[in-house]
Amino acid sequence: EQKRLPAFNRTLALLRQVLKSEDPCHRALAWCYLGMLLERKDTFSTTPMGVHDCGYSGTDPLDCFGKAIEIAKNQPPILNRLAKIFYFLGKQDMAIGTCNMALDVLRDPELNWQAYCTRAKLPALVPDLPPRAHTEPMCLRKPTRSSQFTSLQAEESSHPLIFSTTIHMT
């Protein structure tokens, strides 16, 4: 813990400086990373002094994520980066919502392909998966045995890049 504490405090101080940036991408990502750090402050036996020194004592991580999304609300490239971060954090609902925001701003799949790619990775879009599949990031899941599936059915959508997949399990 003592080895991690100085790095944690330095990171908070650096993010505080980045939040002053004029670049909306840097500000949005800094708010997102700040939220990630604040989620992990409880891994220390006491609240790190950097949290108090930087003025984040009463800050909720979800508020940080919300500020990041608010900064990026009309900029699909930034929204797509946030969605990818939320996906890797296991925040599937936030990732889907952020992808949908990016698609609301820019629906063209040639220009906004990242949103379609991230959405395709999200298990919440496949309705027949067991509930456990929604609780952990896909990169941490163990592969399932193919013998568990009785059939796999794909249906085409009106949009050329979106399709629906139904998985029937035994």
N, C-alpha and C. Protein backbone atom coordinates (compact mmCIF):
# COMPACT_ATOMS: atom_id res chain seq x y z
N GLU A 1 0.82 -1.20 0.00
CA GLU A 1 0.00 0.00 0.00
C GLU A 1 0.87 1.26 0.00
N GLN A 2 1.94 1.25 0.77
CA GLN A 2 2.79 2.43 0.87
C GLN A 2 3.51 2.73 -0.44
N LYS A 3 3.71 1.72 -1.28
CA LYS A 3 4.33 1.95 -2.58
C LYS A 3 3.35 2.58 -3.56
N ARG A 4 2.08 2.25 -3.42
CA ARG A 4 1.07 2.77 -4.35
C ARG A 4 0.62 4.18 -3.99
N LEU A 5 0.68 4.51 -2.73
CA LEU A 5 0.13 5.79 -2.26
C LEU A 5 0.76 7.02 -2.92
N PRO A 6 2.09 7.13 -3.01
CA PRO A 6 2.66 8.32 -3.66
C PRO A 6 2.25 8.43 -5.14
N ALA A 7 2.20 7.31 -5.83
CA ALA A 7 1.80 7.34 -7.24
C ALA A 7 0.33 7.76 -7.37
N PHE A 8 -0.50 7.28 -6.47
CA PHE A 8 -1.92 7.65 -6.47
C PHE A 8 -2.07 9.16 -6.27
N ASN A 9 -1.37 9.70 -5.28
CA ASN A 9 -1.45 11.14 -4.99
C ASN A 9 -0.90 11.98 -6.14
N ARG A 10 0.21 11.55 -6.74
CA ARG A 10 0.77 12.28 -7.89
C ARG A 10 -0.20 12.26 -9.07
N THR A 11 -0.82 11.12 -9.30
CA THR A 11 -1.77 11.00 -10.41
C THR A 11 -2.95 11.94 -10.21
N LEU A 12 -3.45 12.02 -8.99
CA LEU A 12 -4.55 12.95 -8.71
C LEU A 12 -4.13 14.39 -9.00
N ALA A 13 -2.93 14.75 -8.59
CA ALA A 13 -2.44 16.12 -8.81
C ALA A 13 -2.28 16.40 -10.30
N LEU A 14 -1.78 15.43 -11.05
CA LEU A 14 -1.62 15.62 -12.50
C LEU A 14 -2.98 15.74 -13.19
N LEU A 15 -3.92 14.91 -12.79
CA LEU A 15 -5.25 14.99 -13.40
C LEU A 15 -5.91 16.34 -13.09
N ARG A 16 -5.65 16.85 -11.92
CA ARG A 16 -6.19 18.16 -11.55
C ARG A 16 -5.67 19.24 -12.50
N GLN A 17 -4.42 19.12 -12.91
CA GLN A 17 -3.85 20.06 -13.87
C GLN A 17 -4.45 19.87 -15.26
N VAL A 18 -4.66 18.62 -15.66
CA VAL A 18 -5.22 18.34 -16.99
C VAL A 18 -6.65 18.85 -17.09
N LEU A 19 -7.37 18.87 -15.99
CA LEU A 19 -8.75 19.36 -16.00
C LEU A 19 -8.83 20.84 -16.40
N LYS A 20 -7.72 21.55 -16.30
CA LYS A 20 -7.68 22.96 -16.68
C LYS A 20 -7.40 23.15 -18.17
N SER A 21 -7.17 22.07 -18.88
CA SER A 21 -6.83 22.13 -20.30
C SER A 21 -7.97 22.71 -21.13
N GLU A 22 -7.61 23.32 -22.24
CA GLU A 22 -8.61 23.84 -23.18
C GLU A 22 -9.15 22.72 -24.08
N ASP A 23 -8.39 21.67 -24.24
CA ASP A 23 -8.77 20.57 -25.13
C ASP A 23 -9.88 19.73 -24.48
N PRO A 24 -11.06 19.65 -25.10
CA PRO A 24 -12.16 18.89 -24.49
C PRO A 24 -11.85 17.39 -24.36
N CYS A 25 -11.05 16.86 -25.27
CA CYS A 25 -10.68 15.45 -25.17
C CYS A 25 -9.87 15.20 -23.91
N HIS A 26 -8.89 16.05 -23.66
CA HIS A 26 -8.07 15.89 -22.45
C HIS A 26 -8.90 16.06 -21.19
N ARG A 27 -9.78 17.05 -21.20
CA ARG A 27 -10.62 17.28 -20.01
C ARG A 27 -11.57 16.11 -19.76
N ALA A 28 -12.21 15.62 -20.82
CA ALA A 28 -13.15 14.50 -20.67
C ALA A 28 -12.43 13.25 -20.15
N LEU A 29 -11.29 12.95 -20.74
CA LEU A 29 -10.54 11.77 -20.29
C LEU A 29 -10.03 11.95 -18.87
N ALA A 30 -9.63 13.16 -18.52
CA ALA A 30 -9.16 13.41 -17.15
C ALA A 30 -10.29 13.19 -16.15
N TRP A 31 -11.50 13.65 -16.47
CA TRP A 31 -12.62 13.41 -15.56
C TRP A 31 -12.91 11.92 -15.44
N CYS A 32 -12.81 11.21 -16.55
CA CYS A 32 -13.05 9.77 -16.52
C CYS A 32 -12.00 9.07 -15.66
N TYR A 33 -10.74 9.41 -15.85
CA TYR A 33 -9.67 8.78 -15.07
C TYR A 33 -9.77 9.18 -13.59
N LEU A 34 -10.20 10.40 -13.33
CA LEU A 34 -10.40 10.81 -11.95
C LEU A 34 -11.48 9.96 -11.29
N GLY A 35 -12.55 9.70 -12.03
CA GLY A 35 -13.59 8.82 -11.51
C GLY A 35 -13.06 7.43 -11.21
N MET A 36 -12.20 6.94 -12.10
CA MET A 36 -11.60 5.62 -11.87
C MET A 36 -10.77 5.61 -10.59
N LEU A 37 -9.98 6.66 -10.40
CA LEU A 37 -9.15 6.73 -9.19
C LEU A 37 -10.01 6.83 -7.93
N LEU A 38 -11.04 7.65 -8.00
CA LEU A 38 -11.88 7.82 -6.81
C LEU A 38 -12.63 6.53 -6.47
N GLU A 39 -12.93 5.72 -7.48
CA GLU A 39 -13.54 4.41 -7.21
C GLU A 39 -12.58 3.51 -6.44
N ARG A 40 -11.30 3.72 -6.65
CA ARG A 40 -10.30 2.85 -6.04
C ARG A 40 -9.67 3.41 -4.77
N LYS A 41 -10.13 4.56 -4.32
CA LYS A 41 -9.54 5.13 -3.10
C LYS A 41 -9.81 4.26 -1.88
N ASP A 42 -10.85 3.45 -1.94
CA ASP A 42 -11.18 2.58 -0.81
C ASP A 42 -10.26 1.37 -0.70
N THR A 43 -9.37 1.19 -1.68
CA THR A 43 -8.42 0.08 -1.58
C THR A 43 -7.30 0.40 -0.59
N PHE A 44 -7.24 1.65 -0.14
CA PHE A 44 -6.27 2.06 0.87
C PHE A 44 -6.93 1.99 2.24
N SER A 45 -6.13 1.78 3.26
CA SER A 45 -6.68 1.67 4.62
C SER A 45 -7.28 2.99 5.09
N THR A 46 -6.70 4.11 4.66
CA THR A 46 -7.27 5.43 4.94
C THR A 46 -7.36 6.19 3.61
N THR A 47 -8.20 7.18 3.58
CA THR A 47 -8.34 7.96 2.35
C THR A 47 -7.02 8.68 2.07
N PRO A 48 -6.47 8.52 0.87
CA PRO A 48 -5.20 9.18 0.54
C PRO A 48 -5.30 10.70 0.67
N MET A 49 -4.23 11.31 1.14
CA MET A 49 -4.22 12.77 1.35
C MET A 49 -4.40 13.52 0.04
N GLY A 50 -3.99 12.93 -1.06
CA GLY A 50 -4.16 13.58 -2.36
C GLY A 50 -5.61 13.87 -2.67
N VAL A 51 -6.51 13.02 -2.19
CA VAL A 51 -7.94 13.24 -2.40
C VAL A 51 -8.36 14.52 -1.70
N HIS A 52 -7.88 14.72 -0.48
CA HIS A 52 -8.21 15.93 0.28
C HIS A 52 -7.48 17.14 -0.28
N ASP A 53 -6.20 16.98 -0.58
CA ASP A 53 -5.38 18.09 -1.07
C ASP A 53 -5.91 18.66 -2.38
N CYS A 54 -6.41 17.80 -3.24
CA CYS A 54 -6.91 18.26 -4.54
C CYS A 54 -8.37 18.69 -4.48
N GLY A 55 -9.01 18.52 -3.33
CA GLY A 55 -10.38 18.98 -3.17
C GLY A 55 -11.43 18.00 -3.66
N TYR A 56 -11.11 16.71 -3.68
CA TYR A 56 -12.05 15.71 -4.18
C TYR A 56 -12.66 14.87 -3.07
N SER A 57 -12.65 15.36 -1.85
CA SER A 57 -13.13 14.58 -0.71
C SER A 57 -14.58 14.13 -0.87
N GLY A 58 -15.44 15.01 -1.30
CA GLY A 58 -16.85 14.66 -1.41
C GLY A 58 -17.29 14.34 -2.83
N THR A 59 -16.34 14.11 -3.70
CA THR A 59 -16.67 13.88 -5.11
C THR A 59 -17.02 12.42 -5.35
N ASP A 60 -18.14 12.20 -5.99
CA ASP A 60 -18.59 10.86 -6.32
C ASP A 60 -18.01 10.46 -7.68
N PRO A 61 -17.51 9.24 -7.83
CA PRO A 61 -16.97 8.82 -9.12
C PRO A 61 -17.98 8.94 -10.27
N LEU A 62 -19.25 8.65 -10.00
CA LEU A 62 -20.25 8.76 -11.06
C LEU A 62 -20.41 10.19 -11.54
N ASP A 63 -20.22 11.15 -10.65
CA ASP A 63 -20.26 12.55 -11.06
C ASP A 63 -19.12 12.86 -12.02
N CYS A 64 -17.96 12.27 -11.75
CA CYS A 64 -16.81 12.47 -12.64
C CYS A 64 -17.10 11.88 -14.02
N PHE A 65 -17.66 10.68 -14.05
CA PHE A 65 -18.00 10.07 -15.34
C PHE A 65 -19.05 10.92 -16.06
N GLY A 66 -20.00 11.44 -15.31
CA GLY A 66 -21.03 12.30 -15.90
C GLY A 66 -20.44 13.57 -16.50
N LYS A 67 -19.48 14.17 -15.81
CA LYS A 67 -18.83 15.37 -16.34
C LYS A 67 -18.06 15.06 -17.61
N ALA A 68 -17.42 13.90 -17.64
CA ALA A 68 -16.69 13.49 -18.85
C ALA A 68 -17.65 13.36 -20.03
N ILE A 69 -18.78 12.73 -19.80
CA ILE A 69 -19.76 12.56 -20.87
C ILE A 69 -20.34 13.90 -21.28
N GLU A 70 -20.59 14.77 -20.32
CA GLU A 70 -21.13 16.10 -20.63
C GLU A 70 -20.17 16.91 -21.50
N ILE A 71 -18.89 16.83 -21.21
CA ILE A 71 -17.90 17.55 -22.02
C ILE A 71 -17.88 17.02 -23.44
N ALA A 72 -18.07 15.71 -23.59
CA ALA A 72 -17.93 15.06 -24.89
C ALA A 72 -19.25 14.90 -25.64
N LYS A 73 -20.34 15.44 -25.12
CA LYS A 73 -21.68 15.10 -25.62
C LYS A 73 -21.90 15.29 -27.12
N ASN A 74 -21.21 16.19 -27.76
CA ASN A 74 -21.41 16.41 -29.20
C ASN A 74 -20.19 16.02 -30.02
N GLN A 75 -19.31 15.22 -29.45
CA GLN A 75 -18.07 14.87 -30.13
C GLN A 75 -17.90 13.35 -30.15
N PRO A 76 -18.35 12.70 -31.22
CA PRO A 76 -18.31 11.24 -31.29
C PRO A 76 -16.94 10.61 -31.02
N PRO A 77 -15.83 11.16 -31.51
CA PRO A 77 -14.54 10.50 -31.21
C PRO A 77 -14.26 10.41 -29.71
N ILE A 78 -14.60 11.46 -28.98
CA ILE A 78 -14.36 11.45 -27.53
C ILE A 78 -15.35 10.50 -26.86
N LEU A 79 -16.60 10.54 -27.28
CA LEU A 79 -17.60 9.62 -26.73
C LEU A 79 -17.18 8.17 -26.95
N ASN A 80 -16.63 7.89 -28.12
CA ASN A 80 -16.20 6.52 -28.41
C ASN A 80 -15.05 6.09 -27.50
N ARG A 81 -14.14 7.00 -27.21
CA ARG A 81 -13.05 6.66 -26.29
C ARG A 81 -13.58 6.40 -24.89
N LEU A 82 -14.52 7.23 -24.46
CA LEU A 82 -15.13 7.01 -23.15
C LEU A 82 -15.88 5.68 -23.11
N ALA A 83 -16.60 5.37 -24.17
CA ALA A 83 -17.34 4.11 -24.22
C ALA A 83 -16.40 2.92 -24.11
N LYS A 84 -15.27 3.01 -24.76
CA LYS A 84 -14.30 1.92 -24.70
C LYS A 84 -13.74 1.77 -23.28
N ILE A 85 -13.51 2.89 -22.61
CA ILE A 85 -13.03 2.84 -21.23
C ILE A 85 -14.09 2.22 -20.33
N PHE A 86 -15.34 2.65 -20.49
CA PHE A 86 -16.43 2.09 -19.68
C PHE A 86 -16.57 0.59 -19.92
N TYR A 87 -16.40 0.19 -21.17
CA TYR A 87 -16.48 -1.23 -21.51
C TYR A 87 -15.41 -2.03 -20.76
N PHE A 88 -14.18 -1.54 -20.78
CA PHE A 88 -13.10 -2.26 -20.10
C PHE A 88 -13.23 -2.20 -18.58
N LEU A 89 -13.93 -1.21 -18.06
CA LEU A 89 -14.18 -1.14 -16.63
C LEU A 89 -15.33 -2.04 -16.20
N GLY A 90 -16.04 -2.60 -17.18
CA GLY A 90 -17.18 -3.45 -16.87
C GLY A 90 -18.47 -2.68 -16.67
N LYS A 91 -18.48 -1.42 -17.04
CA LYS A 91 -19.67 -0.58 -16.90
C LYS A 91 -20.44 -0.64 -18.22
N GLN A 92 -21.11 -1.78 -18.43
CA GLN A 92 -21.75 -2.04 -19.72
C GLN A 92 -22.85 -1.04 -20.05
N ASP A 93 -23.67 -0.69 -19.07
CA ASP A 93 -24.76 0.26 -19.33
C ASP A 93 -24.23 1.63 -19.73
N MET A 94 -23.18 2.06 -19.07
CA MET A 94 -22.59 3.35 -19.42
C MET A 94 -21.97 3.29 -20.81
N ALA A 95 -21.35 2.17 -21.13
CA ALA A 95 -20.73 2.02 -22.45
C ALA A 95 -21.80 2.06 -23.54
N ILE A 96 -22.90 1.36 -23.33
CA ILE A 96 -23.98 1.36 -24.32
C ILE A 96 -24.55 2.77 -24.47
N GLY A 97 -24.81 3.42 -23.36
CA GLY A 97 -25.36 4.78 -23.42
C GLY A 97 -24.44 5.75 -24.13
N THR A 98 -23.15 5.63 -23.87
CA THR A 98 -22.18 6.52 -24.51
C THR A 98 -22.08 6.22 -26.00
N CYS A 99 -22.09 4.94 -26.37
CA CYS A 99 -22.10 4.58 -27.80
C CYS A 99 -23.35 5.14 -28.48
N ASN A 100 -24.48 5.01 -27.82
CA ASN A 100 -25.72 5.52 -28.40
C ASN A 100 -25.67 7.04 -28.57
N MET A 101 -25.05 7.73 -27.62
CA MET A 101 -24.90 9.18 -27.77
C MET A 101 -24.04 9.50 -28.99
N ALA A 102 -22.96 8.75 -29.17
CA ALA A 102 -22.10 8.98 -30.33
C ALA A 102 -22.86 8.71 -31.63
N LEU A 103 -23.70 7.69 -31.62
CA LEU A 103 -24.47 7.36 -32.82
C LEU A 103 -25.59 8.38 -33.06
N ASP A 104 -26.11 8.97 -32.01
CA ASP A 104 -27.12 10.02 -32.19
C ASP A 104 -26.51 11.24 -32.87
N VAL A 105 -25.25 11.51 -32.56
CA VAL A 105 -24.58 12.67 -33.15
C VAL A 105 -24.13 12.36 -34.58
N LEU A 106 -23.62 11.15 -34.79
CA LEU A 106 -23.07 10.77 -36.10
C LEU A 106 -23.43 9.32 -36.40
N ARG A 107 -24.44 9.12 -37.23
CA ARG A 107 -24.94 7.77 -37.52
C ARG A 107 -24.16 7.06 -38.63
N ASP A 108 -23.42 7.80 -39.43
CA ASP A 108 -22.73 7.22 -40.58
C ASP A 108 -21.71 6.18 -40.13
N PRO A 109 -21.89 4.91 -40.52
CA PRO A 109 -20.96 3.86 -40.07
C PRO A 109 -19.55 4.00 -40.62
N GLU A 110 -19.39 4.70 -41.72
CA GLU A 110 -18.04 4.89 -42.25
C GLU A 110 -17.26 5.90 -41.43
N LEU A 111 -17.95 6.87 -40.87
CA LEU A 111 -17.29 7.90 -40.08
C LEU A 111 -17.28 7.59 -38.58
N ASN A 112 -18.23 6.79 -38.13
CA ASN A 112 -18.35 6.50 -36.70
C ASN A 112 -18.33 4.99 -36.46
N TRP A 113 -17.43 4.31 -37.10
CA TRP A 113 -17.36 2.86 -36.99
C TRP A 113 -16.97 2.40 -35.59
N GLN A 114 -16.26 3.25 -34.83
CA GLN A 114 -15.84 2.85 -33.48
C GLN A 114 -17.04 2.56 -32.59
N ALA A 115 -18.09 3.38 -32.73
CA ALA A 115 -19.28 3.17 -31.90
C ALA A 115 -19.93 1.83 -32.22
N TYR A 116 -19.99 1.50 -33.50
CA TYR A 116 -20.57 0.21 -33.89
C TYR A 116 -19.71 -0.95 -33.39
N CYS A 117 -18.40 -0.80 -33.45
CA CYS A 117 -17.50 -1.87 -32.98
C CYS A 117 -17.64 -2.07 -31.47
N THR A 118 -17.68 -0.99 -30.72
CA THR A 118 -17.80 -1.11 -29.27
C THR A 118 -19.15 -1.71 -28.90
N ARG A 119 -20.20 -1.26 -29.57
CA ARG A 119 -21.52 -1.82 -29.27
C ARG A 119 -21.59 -3.30 -29.59
N ALA A 120 -20.89 -3.72 -30.63
CA ALA A 120 -20.91 -5.14 -30.99
C ALA A 120 -20.25 -6.01 -29.91
N LYS A 121 -19.35 -5.43 -29.13
CA LYS A 121 -18.66 -6.18 -28.07
C LYS A 121 -19.49 -6.29 -26.80
N LEU A 122 -20.49 -5.46 -26.67
CA LEU A 122 -21.24 -5.39 -25.41
C LEU A 122 -22.26 -6.52 -25.30
N PRO A 123 -22.19 -7.29 -24.23
CA PRO A 123 -23.10 -8.42 -24.06
C PRO A 123 -24.53 -8.01 -23.80
N ALA A 124 -24.78 -6.82 -23.32
CA ALA A 124 -26.14 -6.40 -22.99
C ALA A 124 -27.00 -6.28 -24.25
N LEU A 125 -26.39 -6.23 -25.40
CA LEU A 125 -27.16 -6.14 -26.64
C LEU A 125 -27.66 -7.50 -27.08
N VAL A 126 -27.15 -8.57 -26.48
CA VAL A 126 -27.61 -9.92 -26.80
C VAL A 126 -28.54 -10.34 -25.68
N PRO A 127 -29.86 -10.37 -25.91
CA PRO A 127 -30.81 -10.54 -24.82
C PRO A 127 -30.81 -11.90 -24.15
N ASP A 128 -30.36 -12.96 -24.79
CA ASP A 128 -30.50 -14.29 -24.23
C ASP A 128 -29.30 -14.78 -23.44
N LEU A 129 -28.32 -13.92 -23.17
CA LEU A 129 -27.18 -14.36 -22.39
C LEU A 129 -27.58 -14.49 -20.92
N PRO A 130 -26.95 -15.41 -20.20
CA PRO A 130 -27.27 -15.53 -18.77
C PRO A 130 -26.88 -14.27 -18.02
N PRO A 131 -27.53 -13.98 -16.88
CA PRO A 131 -27.26 -12.74 -16.14
C PRO A 131 -25.80 -12.56 -15.75
N ARG A 132 -25.07 -13.63 -15.46
CA ARG A 132 -23.68 -13.52 -15.06
C ARG A 132 -22.84 -12.84 -16.13
N ALA A 133 -23.21 -12.99 -17.37
CA ALA A 133 -22.44 -12.42 -18.46
C ALA A 133 -22.43 -10.90 -18.42
N HIS A 134 -23.39 -10.30 -17.75
CA HIS A 134 -23.46 -8.84 -17.72
C HIS A 134 -22.67 -8.24 -16.57
N THR A 135 -22.07 -9.04 -15.72
CA THR A 135 -21.44 -8.50 -14.52
C THR A 135 -19.94 -8.36 -14.63
N GLU A 136 -19.32 -8.93 -15.63
CA GLU A 136 -17.87 -8.82 -15.74
C GLU A 136 -17.48 -8.45 -17.16
N PRO A 137 -16.37 -7.73 -17.32
CA PRO A 137 -15.95 -7.35 -18.66
C PRO A 137 -15.67 -8.58 -19.51
N MET A 138 -15.91 -8.44 -20.79
CA MET A 138 -15.73 -9.57 -21.69
C MET A 138 -14.29 -10.08 -21.68
N CYS A 139 -13.32 -9.18 -21.49
CA CYS A 139 -11.93 -9.59 -21.54
C CYS A 139 -11.57 -10.48 -20.35
N LEU A 140 -12.39 -10.51 -19.29
CA LEU A 140 -12.10 -11.32 -18.12
C LEU A 140 -12.88 -12.63 -18.09
N ARG A 141 -13.80 -12.81 -19.03
CA ARG A 141 -14.64 -14.00 -19.01
C ARG A 141 -13.91 -15.23 -19.51
N LYS A 142 -14.29 -16.35 -18.95
CA LYS A 142 -13.77 -17.62 -19.43
C LYS A 142 -14.57 -18.01 -20.67
N PRO A 143 -13.91 -18.59 -21.66
CA PRO A 143 -14.65 -19.01 -22.84
C PRO A 143 -15.64 -20.11 -22.49
N THR A 144 -16.78 -20.08 -23.15
CA THR A 144 -17.78 -21.11 -22.92
C THR A 144 -17.55 -22.27 -23.87
N ARG A 145 -18.00 -23.43 -23.46
CA ARG A 145 -17.87 -24.59 -24.33
C ARG A 145 -18.94 -24.53 -25.40
N SER A 146 -18.58 -24.88 -26.60
CA SER A 146 -19.54 -24.81 -27.70
C SER A 146 -20.64 -25.84 -27.55
N SER A 147 -20.42 -26.88 -26.74
CA SER A 147 -21.44 -27.90 -26.57
C SER A 147 -22.64 -27.38 -25.77
N GLN A 148 -22.50 -26.22 -25.13
CA GLN A 148 -23.61 -25.66 -24.37
C GLN A 148 -24.67 -25.05 -25.29
N PHE A 149 -24.32 -24.75 -26.50
CA PHE A 149 -25.24 -24.08 -27.39
C PHE A 149 -25.94 -25.10 -28.29
N THR A 150 -27.25 -24.98 -28.37
CA THR A 150 -27.99 -25.88 -29.25
C THR A 150 -28.17 -25.26 -30.63
N SER A 151 -28.27 -23.95 -30.68
CA SER A 151 -28.37 -23.30 -31.99
C SER A 151 -27.96 -21.85 -31.88
N LEU A 152 -27.55 -21.31 -32.99
CA LEU A 152 -27.16 -19.92 -33.09
C LEU A 152 -27.89 -19.36 -34.30
N GLN A 153 -28.65 -18.32 -34.09
CA GLN A 153 -29.48 -17.80 -35.17
C GLN A 153 -29.19 -16.31 -35.34
N ALA A 154 -28.88 -15.89 -36.54
CA ALA A 154 -28.61 -14.48 -36.82
C ALA A 154 -29.72 -13.93 -37.71
N GLU A 155 -30.14 -12.73 -37.40
CA GLU A 155 -31.17 -12.08 -38.20
C GLU A 155 -30.62 -10.77 -38.71
N GLU A 156 -30.93 -10.46 -39.95
CA GLU A 156 -30.46 -9.21 -40.52
C GLU A 156 -31.35 -8.06 -40.08
N SER A 157 -30.76 -6.90 -40.03
CA SER A 157 -31.46 -5.68 -39.67
C SER A 157 -31.59 -4.82 -40.91
N SER A 158 -32.35 -3.73 -40.78
CA SER A 158 -32.47 -2.80 -41.90
C SER A 158 -31.16 -2.05 -42.12
N HIS A 159 -30.34 -1.98 -41.09
CA HIS A 159 -29.04 -1.31 -41.22
C HIS A 159 -28.00 -2.35 -41.58
N PRO A 160 -27.12 -2.07 -42.55
CA PRO A 160 -26.18 -3.09 -43.03
C PRO A 160 -25.15 -3.55 -42.00
N LEU A 161 -24.88 -2.76 -40.95
CA LEU A 161 -23.85 -3.16 -39.99
C LEU A 161 -24.40 -3.69 -38.68
N ILE A 162 -25.71 -3.71 -38.55
CA ILE A 162 -26.31 -4.18 -37.30
C ILE A 162 -27.06 -5.47 -37.58
N PHE A 163 -26.82 -6.47 -36.77
CA PHE A 163 -27.58 -7.70 -36.88
C PHE A 163 -27.88 -8.21 -35.48
N SER A 164 -28.89 -9.01 -35.39
CA SER A 164 -29.31 -9.55 -34.11
C SER A 164 -28.91 -11.01 -34.03
N THR A 165 -28.39 -11.41 -32.90
CA THR A 165 -27.98 -12.79 -32.70
C THR A 165 -28.76 -13.36 -31.53
N THR A 166 -29.31 -14.52 -31.73
CA THR A 166 -30.01 -15.22 -30.66
C THR A 166 -29.26 -16.50 -30.37
N ILE A 167 -28.92 -16.71 -29.12
CA ILE A 167 -28.20 -17.91 -28.72
C ILE A 167 -29.13 -18.74 -27.85
N HIS A 168 -29.35 -19.98 -28.24
CA HIS A 168 -30.18 -20.89 -27.45
C HIS A 168 -29.26 -21.81 -26.68
N MET A 169 -29.43 -21.85 -25.36
CA MET A 169 -28.54 -22.65 -24.52
C MET A 169 -29.29 -23.85 -23.96
N THR A 170 -28.55 -24.92 -23.72
CA THR A 170 -29.15 -26.11 -23.13
C THR A 170 -29.02 -26.07 -21.63
